[in-house]
């Protein structure tokens, strides 16, 4: 009888809406869509109605009262009752949110002041709800997190956690490893500031106490037009599909600028500069494909238009690598129109990829030592790359020049000045790499002499000396990778 009664109670008050990955990614709302609501942390009231005259005081209170979202995964009253008998009955499918006053298409304006953490979980909308700063207001949040939610936009907010407030990502759709995927979440024009100053903190202390920028986990996600400073990791895409990180500035970071894993990813037009030593024995990359054990094959990755500069002034970076995929199995990868100036060897390196294009990039180092390269290797498991084209780039070195041109691998290694501890790369260069075509590339001085290799444009080009500004990097890119009009 109890089981039968429980089944009846579970059915009461819930609909059959299923959580599915979206068939398509959402379009932005127009500026005038839906209703407007207001939150004022200084002059608002928890008893307000969200109007401009009677604003709410706290975003967290609005969420906890169930006032936001077309549908909710919060347990209904029957499930809460049954959950006292068995906690697994607390888990529910989406149900219509009868208490909500803020629905898809509406906007919540945050007025000036400290708003604490902006956190949502289990809220699903048919159209995006936009949470944004009131024009002209400095709305400050300590963090933003979304979990198992759909159709939200967070924009024009300053995100600045207090020192000692914890670790991890300041903006995230994966607050903990067990959080289910979210969909159609967009972060735009955020100013994300880690606590402290990476330039004035020891690497060991920063490794323990620094915060990370933004992490995206789910489907149809975006981080756009934002600024991230004084962080360990800048931004990451974790096992996500149809996700974009575009037009962001990441500055003063200590580990990786952008990490990614997933399918149908776009990492475009970001500016990543000024790397500081990471501490904790970590190596750093500007942009890196990062996988976990037993990950599937990832497909359709586009990394384009990014500027990676290890330093823009006095040099302090010693071990920043460029745009790289070292692990996992990847297919249909495009790396194009990027300017990469690392502080060590890997400029652009892909390992074991299928159907990849490395085209119209500029890769150059800081001088005669630690010459950076463009290279495609077999995977660490020995899987050869297939159908890879390296075309119309400008770089100090191309390690695949050792294949098919009679170039002695040791001579190439020595000219790059790797030194006697380069056993790993000597081993790789002695292994023939199949499936890679070099076409119409230019080599830059100082770098290995390729004047006798007809696969490269002649003569060698001089690389720019001294610090390079973002504007200079973009000007160099424009010469080989002009933007289409419009």
Protein backbone atom coordinates (compact mmCIF):
# COMPACT_ATOMS: atom_id res chain seq x y z
CA UNK A 1 0.00 0.00 0.00
CA UNK A 2 2.80 2.40 0.85
CA UNK A 3 4.48 1.79 -2.51
CA UNK A 4 1.22 2.33 -4.39
CA UNK A 5 0.44 5.46 -2.44
CA UNK A 6 3.96 6.70 -3.04
CA UNK A 7 3.61 6.17 -6.78
CA UNK A 8 0.40 8.17 -6.79
CA UNK A 9 1.93 10.98 -4.79
CA UNK A 10 4.96 11.08 -7.08
CA UNK A 11 2.75 11.52 -10.11
CA UNK A 12 0.78 14.32 -8.50
CA UNK A 13 1.94 17.82 -9.39
CA UNK A 14 4.59 16.78 -11.95
CA UNK A 15 4.61 16.81 -15.73
CA UNK A 16 6.35 14.58 -18.21
CA UNK A 17 8.95 17.10 -19.32
CA UNK A 18 12.23 15.31 -19.90
CA UNK A 19 15.76 16.58 -19.55
CA UNK A 20 17.30 16.27 -22.98
CA UNK A 21 20.23 17.84 -24.72
CA UNK A 22 18.93 20.77 -26.76
CA UNK A 23 18.30 20.24 -30.46
CA UNK A 24 19.70 23.70 -31.18
CA UNK A 25 21.39 26.47 -29.26
CA UNK A 26 19.30 29.43 -28.18
CA UNK A 27 19.15 32.81 -29.86
CA UNK A 28 19.60 35.97 -27.82
CA UNK A 29 16.60 37.82 -26.50
CA UNK A 30 15.87 41.23 -27.90
CA UNK A 31 16.57 44.12 -25.53
CA UNK A 32 12.85 44.70 -24.92
CA UNK A 33 11.72 41.11 -24.52
CA UNK A 34 9.72 40.09 -21.48
CA UNK A 35 9.31 41.81 -18.13
CA UNK A 36 11.94 43.62 -16.07
CA UNK A 37 12.69 42.93 -12.40
CA UNK A 38 15.17 44.58 -10.06
CA UNK A 39 17.40 43.57 -7.16
CA UNK A 40 18.94 46.25 -4.93
CA UNK A 41 21.24 44.85 -2.20
CA UNK A 42 21.33 48.20 -0.43
CA UNK A 43 17.80 49.58 -0.67
CA UNK A 44 15.72 46.54 -1.57
CA UNK A 45 13.51 44.33 0.59
CA UNK A 46 12.86 40.61 0.72
CA UNK A 47 9.18 41.56 0.85
CA UNK A 48 9.41 43.57 -2.37
CA UNK A 49 7.77 42.57 -5.63
CA UNK A 50 10.83 43.03 -7.85
CA UNK A 51 9.60 46.26 -9.39
CA UNK A 52 11.80 49.33 -9.72
CA UNK A 53 9.82 50.96 -6.90
CA UNK A 54 9.94 47.87 -4.66
CA UNK A 55 13.05 45.90 -5.67
CA UNK A 56 14.07 42.65 -4.09
CA UNK A 57 17.10 42.70 -1.82
CA UNK A 58 18.78 39.35 -2.42
CA UNK A 59 19.18 37.18 -5.51
CA UNK A 60 19.68 34.09 -3.35
CA UNK A 61 16.40 34.73 -1.53
CA UNK A 62 14.55 35.15 -4.82
CA UNK A 63 15.90 31.79 -5.96
CA UNK A 64 15.21 30.00 -2.67
CA UNK A 65 11.59 31.21 -2.71
CA UNK A 66 11.13 29.63 -6.14
CA UNK A 67 10.38 32.91 -7.90
CA UNK A 68 12.58 32.18 -10.95
CA UNK A 69 12.21 29.63 -13.72
CA UNK A 70 9.54 28.16 -15.99
CA UNK A 71 10.22 24.68 -14.62
CA UNK A 72 12.10 23.43 -11.61
CA UNK A 73 13.80 20.28 -10.47
CA UNK A 74 13.23 21.18 -6.83
CA UNK A 75 11.24 18.40 -5.15
CA UNK A 76 7.51 18.96 -4.94
CA UNK A 77 5.73 18.68 -1.58
CA UNK A 78 4.85 14.99 -2.11
CA UNK A 79 8.46 14.17 -2.91
CA UNK A 80 9.70 16.05 0.13
CA UNK A 81 7.32 14.00 2.28
CA UNK A 82 8.41 10.72 0.70
CA UNK A 83 12.04 11.82 0.90
CA UNK A 84 11.82 11.51 4.66
CA UNK A 85 11.25 7.78 4.12
CA UNK A 86 13.75 7.28 1.29
CA UNK A 87 16.09 10.09 0.13
CA UNK A 88 16.13 8.80 -3.45
CA UNK A 89 12.52 9.95 -3.82
CA UNK A 90 13.78 13.52 -3.53
CA UNK A 91 15.07 13.27 -7.09
CA UNK A 92 12.44 14.51 -9.50
CA UNK A 93 11.90 15.23 -13.16
CA UNK A 94 11.15 18.84 -14.19
CA UNK A 95 7.80 20.23 -13.11
CA UNK A 96 6.09 23.51 -13.83
CA UNK A 97 7.10 26.17 -11.36
CA UNK A 98 3.80 27.57 -10.13
CA UNK A 99 5.50 30.02 -7.74
CA UNK A 100 7.64 31.72 -10.37
CA UNK A 101 7.14 35.33 -11.37
CA UNK A 102 10.32 35.54 -13.50
CA UNK A 103 9.95 33.48 -16.67
CA UNK A 104 11.79 32.84 -19.89
CA UNK A 105 12.33 36.07 -21.80
CA UNK A 106 12.39 38.23 -18.64
CA UNK A 107 15.33 40.23 -17.31
CA UNK A 108 16.60 40.74 -13.78
CA UNK A 109 18.57 43.96 -13.31
CA UNK A 110 21.17 44.00 -10.55
CA UNK A 111 21.60 47.43 -9.02
CA UNK A 112 24.92 48.66 -7.63
CA UNK A 113 26.45 46.89 -4.64
CA UNK A 114 27.51 43.47 -3.38
CA UNK A 115 25.17 40.65 -4.41
CA UNK A 116 27.05 37.64 -3.00
CA UNK A 117 27.05 34.44 -5.02
CA UNK A 118 24.61 34.21 -7.93
CA UNK A 119 23.74 30.51 -7.87
CA UNK A 120 21.04 28.59 -9.71
CA UNK A 121 20.36 24.86 -9.78
CA UNK A 122 17.67 22.82 -11.45
CA UNK A 123 15.91 25.73 -13.21
CA UNK A 124 14.76 25.26 -16.81
CA UNK A 125 13.34 27.95 -19.08
CA UNK A 126 11.75 27.90 -22.51
CA UNK A 127 13.61 31.12 -23.41
CA UNK A 128 16.60 32.77 -21.72
CA UNK A 129 16.25 34.68 -18.47
CA UNK A 130 18.89 37.43 -18.46
CA UNK A 131 20.56 38.45 -15.20
CA UNK A 132 22.50 41.64 -15.83
CA UNK A 133 23.79 44.79 -14.19
CA UNK A 134 21.54 47.81 -14.43
CA UNK A 135 23.17 50.09 -17.04
CA UNK A 136 25.69 52.29 -15.27
CA UNK A 137 25.67 50.23 -12.05
CA UNK A 138 28.63 48.35 -10.57
CA UNK A 139 26.94 45.09 -9.65
CA UNK A 140 29.45 42.84 -7.88
CA UNK A 141 29.05 39.10 -7.27
CA UNK A 142 31.40 36.89 -5.29
CA UNK A 143 30.80 33.99 -7.71
CA UNK A 144 28.38 32.75 -10.38
CA UNK A 145 27.36 29.10 -10.61
CA UNK A 146 24.74 27.26 -12.63
CA UNK A 147 23.99 23.56 -12.40
CA UNK A 148 21.49 21.35 -14.21
CA UNK A 149 19.85 24.47 -15.61
CA UNK A 150 18.80 25.74 -19.02
CA UNK A 151 18.41 29.09 -20.76
CA UNK A 152 20.12 31.73 -18.65
CA UNK A 153 22.31 34.71 -19.55
CA UNK A 154 24.63 36.41 -17.06
CA UNK A 155 26.06 39.68 -18.34
CA UNK A 156 27.85 42.91 -17.38
CA UNK A 157 28.62 41.75 -13.84
CA UNK A 158 31.84 42.17 -11.85
CA UNK A 159 32.79 38.84 -10.27
CA UNK A 160 35.32 39.30 -7.48
CA UNK A 161 35.66 36.75 -4.67
CA UNK A 162 37.15 37.77 -1.36
CA UNK A 163 40.63 36.53 -0.37
CA UNK A 164 40.43 33.24 1.50
CA UNK A 165 36.99 32.48 0.05
CA UNK A 166 37.95 29.07 -1.23
CA UNK A 167 39.40 27.53 -4.37
CA UNK A 168 38.23 26.56 -7.82
CA UNK A 169 36.46 28.43 -10.59
CA UNK A 170 34.81 31.76 -9.83
CA UNK A 171 32.28 31.32 -12.67
CA UNK A 172 31.19 27.77 -13.40
CA UNK A 173 28.51 25.39 -14.61
CA UNK A 174 30.27 22.56 -12.74
CA UNK A 175 30.51 23.55 -9.12
CA UNK A 176 31.30 19.98 -8.09
CA UNK A 177 32.15 16.81 -10.06
CA UNK A 178 28.67 15.31 -9.57
CA UNK A 179 26.71 18.28 -10.98
CA UNK A 180 24.67 17.27 -14.08
CA UNK A 181 25.06 19.14 -17.36
CA UNK A 182 23.53 22.52 -18.08
CA UNK A 183 22.45 23.83 -21.48
CA UNK A 184 22.06 27.20 -23.17
CA UNK A 185 23.97 29.18 -20.56
CA UNK A 186 25.77 32.32 -21.74
CA UNK A 187 28.24 34.51 -19.86
CA UNK A 188 28.90 37.85 -21.53
CA UNK A 189 30.88 40.98 -20.72
CA UNK A 190 31.87 39.77 -17.27
CA UNK A 191 34.81 41.21 -15.36
CA UNK A 192 36.32 38.32 -13.42
CA UNK A 193 38.99 39.24 -10.89
CA UNK A 194 40.81 36.67 -8.82
CA UNK A 195 41.66 37.68 -5.25
CA UNK A 196 45.20 38.92 -4.77
CA UNK A 197 47.85 39.78 -7.34
CA UNK A 198 49.68 37.06 -9.26
CA UNK A 199 52.62 39.37 -9.96
CA UNK A 200 53.20 40.01 -6.26
CA UNK A 201 52.65 36.48 -4.93
CA UNK A 202 55.12 33.59 -4.87
CA UNK A 203 54.32 30.72 -7.27
CA UNK A 204 53.92 28.27 -4.39
CA UNK A 205 51.47 30.51 -2.55
CA UNK A 206 49.53 31.27 -5.73
CA UNK A 207 49.22 27.56 -6.50
CA UNK A 208 47.54 27.05 -3.11
CA UNK A 209 45.50 30.23 -2.76
CA UNK A 210 44.78 31.51 -6.27
CA UNK A 211 41.38 31.11 -7.90
CA UNK A 212 40.46 29.98 -11.41
CA UNK A 213 38.40 31.98 -13.90
CA UNK A 214 35.48 30.33 -15.72
CA UNK A 215 34.57 26.72 -16.50
CA UNK A 216 31.86 25.56 -18.93
CA UNK A 217 30.29 22.10 -18.68
CA UNK A 218 27.25 21.10 -20.71
CA UNK A 219 25.76 21.92 -24.09
CA UNK A 220 25.36 25.19 -25.99
CA UNK A 221 27.44 27.26 -23.59
CA UNK A 222 29.34 30.50 -24.19
CA UNK A 223 31.85 32.79 -22.51
CA UNK A 224 32.15 35.96 -24.56
CA UNK A 225 33.57 39.49 -24.43
CA UNK A 226 34.78 39.12 -20.86
CA UNK A 227 37.96 40.02 -18.98
CA UNK A 228 39.67 37.57 -16.62
CA UNK A 229 42.65 38.65 -14.50
CA UNK A 230 44.80 37.36 -11.63
CA UNK A 231 43.82 33.70 -11.84
CA UNK A 232 45.47 30.31 -12.02
CA UNK A 233 43.50 28.81 -14.91
CA UNK A 234 41.85 31.36 -17.17
CA UNK A 235 38.92 29.48 -18.70
CA UNK A 236 37.97 25.91 -19.52
CA UNK A 237 35.54 23.85 -21.57
CA UNK A 238 35.04 20.48 -19.88
CA UNK A 239 33.51 17.60 -21.87
CA UNK A 240 31.03 19.96 -23.49
CA UNK A 241 29.34 20.17 -26.89
CA UNK A 242 28.58 23.19 -29.08
CA UNK A 243 30.42 25.55 -26.79
CA UNK A 244 32.26 28.81 -27.50
CA UNK A 245 34.93 30.89 -25.77
CA UNK A 246 35.32 34.03 -27.85
CA UNK A 247 36.62 37.60 -27.71
CA UNK A 248 37.82 37.40 -24.11
CA UNK A 249 40.92 38.90 -22.52
CA UNK A 250 42.83 36.68 -20.09
CA UNK A 251 45.73 38.42 -18.39
CA UNK A 252 48.05 37.61 -15.48
CA UNK A 253 47.40 33.87 -15.26
CA UNK A 254 49.61 31.16 -13.80
CA UNK A 255 48.71 27.79 -15.34
CA UNK A 256 46.70 27.50 -18.58
CA UNK A 257 44.95 30.26 -20.44
CA UNK A 258 42.19 28.07 -21.94
CA UNK A 259 41.70 24.29 -21.62
CA UNK A 260 39.15 22.38 -23.66
CA UNK A 261 37.53 19.00 -24.26
CA UNK A 262 34.35 18.15 -26.12
CA UNK A 263 32.80 18.36 -29.58
CA UNK A 264 31.91 21.27 -31.86
CA UNK A 265 34.00 23.76 -29.92
CA UNK A 266 35.05 27.26 -30.99
CA UNK A 267 37.89 29.13 -29.28
CA UNK A 268 38.18 32.37 -31.20
CA UNK A 269 39.60 35.88 -31.01
CA UNK A 270 40.78 35.68 -27.42
CA UNK A 271 43.77 37.65 -26.12
CA UNK A 272 45.83 35.69 -23.58
CA UNK A 273 48.84 37.49 -22.13
CA UNK A 274 51.27 37.74 -19.24
CA UNK A 275 51.94 34.36 -17.75
CA UNK A 276 53.38 33.95 -14.26
CA UNK A 277 55.16 30.92 -12.88
CA UNK A 278 52.60 28.32 -11.73
CA UNK A 279 54.36 26.59 -8.84
CA UNK A 280 53.43 23.05 -7.74
CA UNK A 281 55.51 21.55 -10.57
CA UNK A 282 52.88 22.37 -13.21
CA UNK A 283 53.56 23.16 -16.86
CA UNK A 284 51.53 25.84 -18.57
CA UNK A 285 49.87 26.26 -21.96
CA UNK A 286 48.18 29.19 -23.61
CA UNK A 287 45.48 26.93 -25.11
CA UNK A 288 45.41 23.17 -24.59
CA UNK A 289 43.19 20.21 -25.40
CA UNK A 290 42.94 18.45 -22.06
CA UNK A 291 41.47 14.96 -21.62
CA UNK A 292 40.68 12.56 -18.81
CA UNK A 293 41.21 8.82 -18.74
CA UNK A 294 38.80 6.90 -21.00
CA UNK A 295 37.54 10.02 -22.77
CA UNK A 296 35.92 9.37 -26.17
CA UNK A 297 37.17 10.73 -29.49
CA UNK A 298 36.54 14.47 -29.67
CA UNK A 299 35.63 16.08 -32.99
CA UNK A 300 35.23 19.42 -34.77
CA UNK A 301 37.46 21.81 -32.86
CA UNK A 302 38.25 25.30 -34.19
CA UNK A 303 40.95 27.45 -32.57
CA UNK A 304 41.26 30.67 -34.54
CA UNK A 305 42.16 34.34 -34.26
CA UNK A 306 43.73 34.12 -30.81
CA UNK A 307 46.73 36.10 -29.58
CA UNK A 308 49.02 34.31 -27.09
CA UNK A 309 51.85 36.39 -25.62
CA UNK A 310 53.87 35.02 -22.73
CA UNK A 311 54.82 38.57 -21.71
CA UNK A 312 53.89 42.03 -22.95
CA UNK A 313 56.60 43.87 -21.02
CA UNK A 314 59.50 42.85 -18.82
CA UNK A 315 59.88 39.09 -19.10
CA UNK A 316 58.71 36.94 -16.21
CA UNK A 317 57.33 33.81 -17.92
CA UNK A 318 59.76 30.89 -18.14
CA UNK A 319 57.68 27.91 -19.23
CA UNK A 320 54.55 28.92 -21.16
CA UNK A 321 53.76 26.71 -24.14
CA UNK A 322 51.47 27.68 -27.01
CA UNK A 323 48.47 25.89 -28.59
CA UNK A 324 48.74 22.17 -28.01
CA UNK A 325 47.02 18.79 -27.97
CA UNK A 326 49.25 16.19 -26.32
CA UNK A 327 46.79 13.52 -25.17
CA UNK A 328 43.59 11.84 -26.30
CA UNK A 329 42.18 11.21 -29.77
CA UNK A 330 40.96 14.21 -31.76
CA UNK A 331 39.51 14.57 -35.25
CA UNK A 332 38.64 17.52 -37.51
CA UNK A 333 40.81 20.09 -35.77
CA UNK A 334 41.52 23.54 -37.22
CA UNK A 335 44.19 25.83 -35.76
CA UNK A 336 44.31 28.98 -37.85
CA UNK A 337 45.11 32.69 -37.77
CA UNK A 338 46.67 32.63 -34.29
CA UNK A 339 49.68 34.63 -33.10
CA UNK A 340 51.69 32.55 -30.63
CA UNK A 341 54.71 33.73 -28.68
CA UNK A 342 55.49 31.20 -25.96
CA UNK A 343 58.46 31.29 -23.62
CA UNK A 344 59.56 27.72 -24.48
CA UNK A 345 59.40 25.24 -27.35
CA UNK A 346 55.86 24.12 -28.13
CA UNK A 347 54.38 26.84 -30.32
CA UNK A 348 51.68 24.70 -31.95
CA UNK A 349 51.92 20.94 -31.34
CA UNK A 350 49.27 18.34 -32.16
CA UNK A 351 49.75 14.65 -31.42
CA UNK A 352 47.90 11.76 -33.05
CA UNK A 353 45.19 13.92 -34.65
CA UNK A 354 43.09 13.01 -37.70
CA UNK A 355 41.97 15.49 -40.36
CA UNK A 356 43.67 18.59 -38.98
CA UNK A 357 44.63 21.94 -40.49
CA UNK A 358 47.33 24.22 -39.09
CA UNK A 359 47.14 27.27 -41.33
CA UNK A 360 48.13 30.96 -41.45
CA UNK A 361 49.50 31.13 -37.91
CA UNK A 362 52.49 33.13 -36.68
CA UNK A 363 54.74 31.36 -34.15
CA UNK A 364 57.87 33.08 -32.91
CA UNK A 365 60.05 33.07 -29.82
CA UNK A 366 62.10 35.53 -27.86
CA UNK A 367 65.47 35.07 -29.48
CA UNK A 368 68.19 32.51 -30.08
CA UNK A 369 67.31 30.24 -27.14
CA UNK A 370 64.32 27.91 -26.80
CA UNK A 371 63.15 28.22 -30.39
CA UNK A 372 59.39 27.48 -30.65
CA UNK A 373 58.02 25.24 -33.37
CA UNK A 374 55.01 23.99 -35.25
CA UNK A 375 54.89 20.19 -35.13
CA UNK A 376 52.59 17.20 -35.56
CA UNK A 377 53.68 13.95 -33.90
CA UNK A 378 52.28 10.48 -33.41
CA UNK A 379 50.28 10.06 -30.23
CA UNK A 380 51.97 8.87 -27.06
CA UNK A 381 50.42 5.46 -27.80
CA UNK A 382 52.07 5.43 -31.25
CA UNK A 383 48.97 6.28 -33.32
CA UNK A 384 50.06 8.14 -36.46
CA UNK A 385 48.31 11.37 -37.46
CA UNK A 386 46.27 11.24 -40.67
CA UNK A 387 45.34 13.86 -43.26
CA UNK A 388 47.12 16.80 -41.62
CA UNK A 389 47.99 19.93 -43.59
CA UNK A 390 50.46 22.54 -42.30
CA UNK A 391 50.06 25.47 -44.68
CA UNK A 392 51.02 29.13 -45.07
CA UNK A 393 52.31 29.62 -41.54
CA UNK A 394 55.19 31.79 -40.38
CA UNK A 395 57.25 30.12 -37.65
CA UNK A 396 60.77 29.81 -36.29
CA UNK A 397 60.82 26.04 -36.73
CA UNK A 398 58.88 23.12 -38.22
CA UNK A 399 59.82 19.77 -36.74
CA UNK A 400 58.07 17.89 -39.56
CA UNK A 401 60.77 19.27 -41.87
CA UNK A 402 62.78 16.27 -40.69
CA UNK A 403 60.44 14.02 -42.71
CA UNK A 404 60.92 13.74 -46.45
CA UNK A 405 63.76 16.23 -46.94
CA UNK A 406 66.84 14.42 -45.71
CA UNK A 407 67.28 16.72 -42.72
CA UNK A 408 69.26 15.05 -39.97
CA UNK A 409 67.10 14.95 -36.79
CA UNK A 410 70.04 15.64 -34.50
CA UNK A 411 71.07 18.62 -36.59
CA UNK A 412 67.52 19.96 -36.40
CA UNK A 413 67.37 19.42 -32.65
CA UNK A 414 70.72 21.08 -32.12
CA UNK A 415 69.73 24.08 -34.21
CA UNK A 416 66.65 24.54 -32.00
CA UNK A 417 68.99 24.47 -28.98
CA UNK A 418 67.07 21.93 -26.97
CA UNK A 419 70.22 20.82 -25.23
CA UNK A 420 71.34 17.41 -23.95
CA UNK A 421 68.18 16.79 -21.89
CA UNK A 422 65.94 16.58 -24.97
CA UNK A 423 65.80 12.77 -25.12
CA UNK A 424 62.01 12.78 -25.53
CA UNK A 425 62.07 14.97 -28.65
CA UNK A 426 65.11 13.26 -30.11
CA UNK A 427 63.15 10.02 -29.88
CA UNK A 428 60.13 11.55 -31.60
CA UNK A 429 62.15 13.11 -34.39
CA UNK A 430 63.81 9.80 -35.16
CA UNK A 431 60.39 8.24 -35.71
CA UNK A 432 58.94 8.85 -39.16
CA UNK A 433 55.65 10.74 -39.04
CA UNK A 434 53.18 9.87 -41.76
CA UNK A 435 50.06 11.70 -42.84
CA UNK A 436 51.44 15.26 -42.60
CA UNK A 437 51.83 17.64 -45.56
CA UNK A 438 53.89 20.86 -45.45
CA UNK A 439 52.82 23.47 -47.97
CA UNK A 440 53.84 27.09 -48.63
CA UNK A 441 55.14 27.85 -45.13
CA UNK A 442 57.65 30.57 -44.29
CA UNK A 443 60.50 30.06 -41.84
CA UNK A 444 61.69 32.82 -39.55
CA UNK A 445 65.10 33.76 -38.22
CA UNK A 446 66.57 32.87 -35.85
CA UNK A 447 65.59 29.29 -36.51
CA UNK A 448 66.82 26.14 -38.24
CA UNK A 449 68.12 26.85 -41.74
CA UNK A 450 65.51 25.68 -44.25
CA UNK A 451 66.94 27.58 -47.21
CA UNK A 452 67.51 24.33 -49.13
CA UNK A 453 64.01 22.95 -48.56
CA UNK A 454 61.70 23.81 -51.46
CA UNK A 455 58.63 23.21 -49.30
CA UNK A 456 59.32 26.54 -47.60
CA UNK A 457 59.17 30.11 -48.89
CA UNK A 458 62.55 31.80 -49.29
CA UNK A 459 64.36 33.66 -47.90
CA UNK A 460 63.82 33.31 -44.15
CA UNK A 461 61.87 36.13 -42.50
CA UNK A 462 63.24 38.12 -39.57
CA UNK A 463 61.26 37.66 -36.36
CA UNK A 464 60.33 40.71 -34.32
CA UNK A 465 62.66 41.35 -31.39
CA UNK A 466 61.80 42.52 -27.88
CA UNK A 467 58.31 42.80 -26.37
CA UNK A 468 55.33 42.55 -28.70
CA UNK A 469 52.06 44.34 -28.06
CA UNK A 470 48.65 42.88 -28.82
CA UNK A 471 48.22 45.46 -31.58
CA UNK A 472 51.52 44.43 -33.20
CA UNK A 473 50.54 40.77 -33.03
CA UNK A 474 47.23 41.48 -34.71
CA UNK A 475 48.95 43.51 -37.41
CA UNK A 476 51.26 40.58 -38.16
CA UNK A 477 48.28 38.24 -38.41
CA UNK A 478 46.43 40.60 -40.73
CA UNK A 479 49.23 40.25 -43.28
CA UNK A 480 48.71 36.51 -43.76
CA UNK A 481 45.16 36.07 -42.50
CA UNK A 482 43.04 39.04 -43.59
CA UNK A 483 39.55 39.28 -42.16
CA UNK A 484 36.63 39.01 -44.55
CA UNK A 485 34.74 42.29 -45.04
CA UNK A 486 31.65 43.03 -42.96
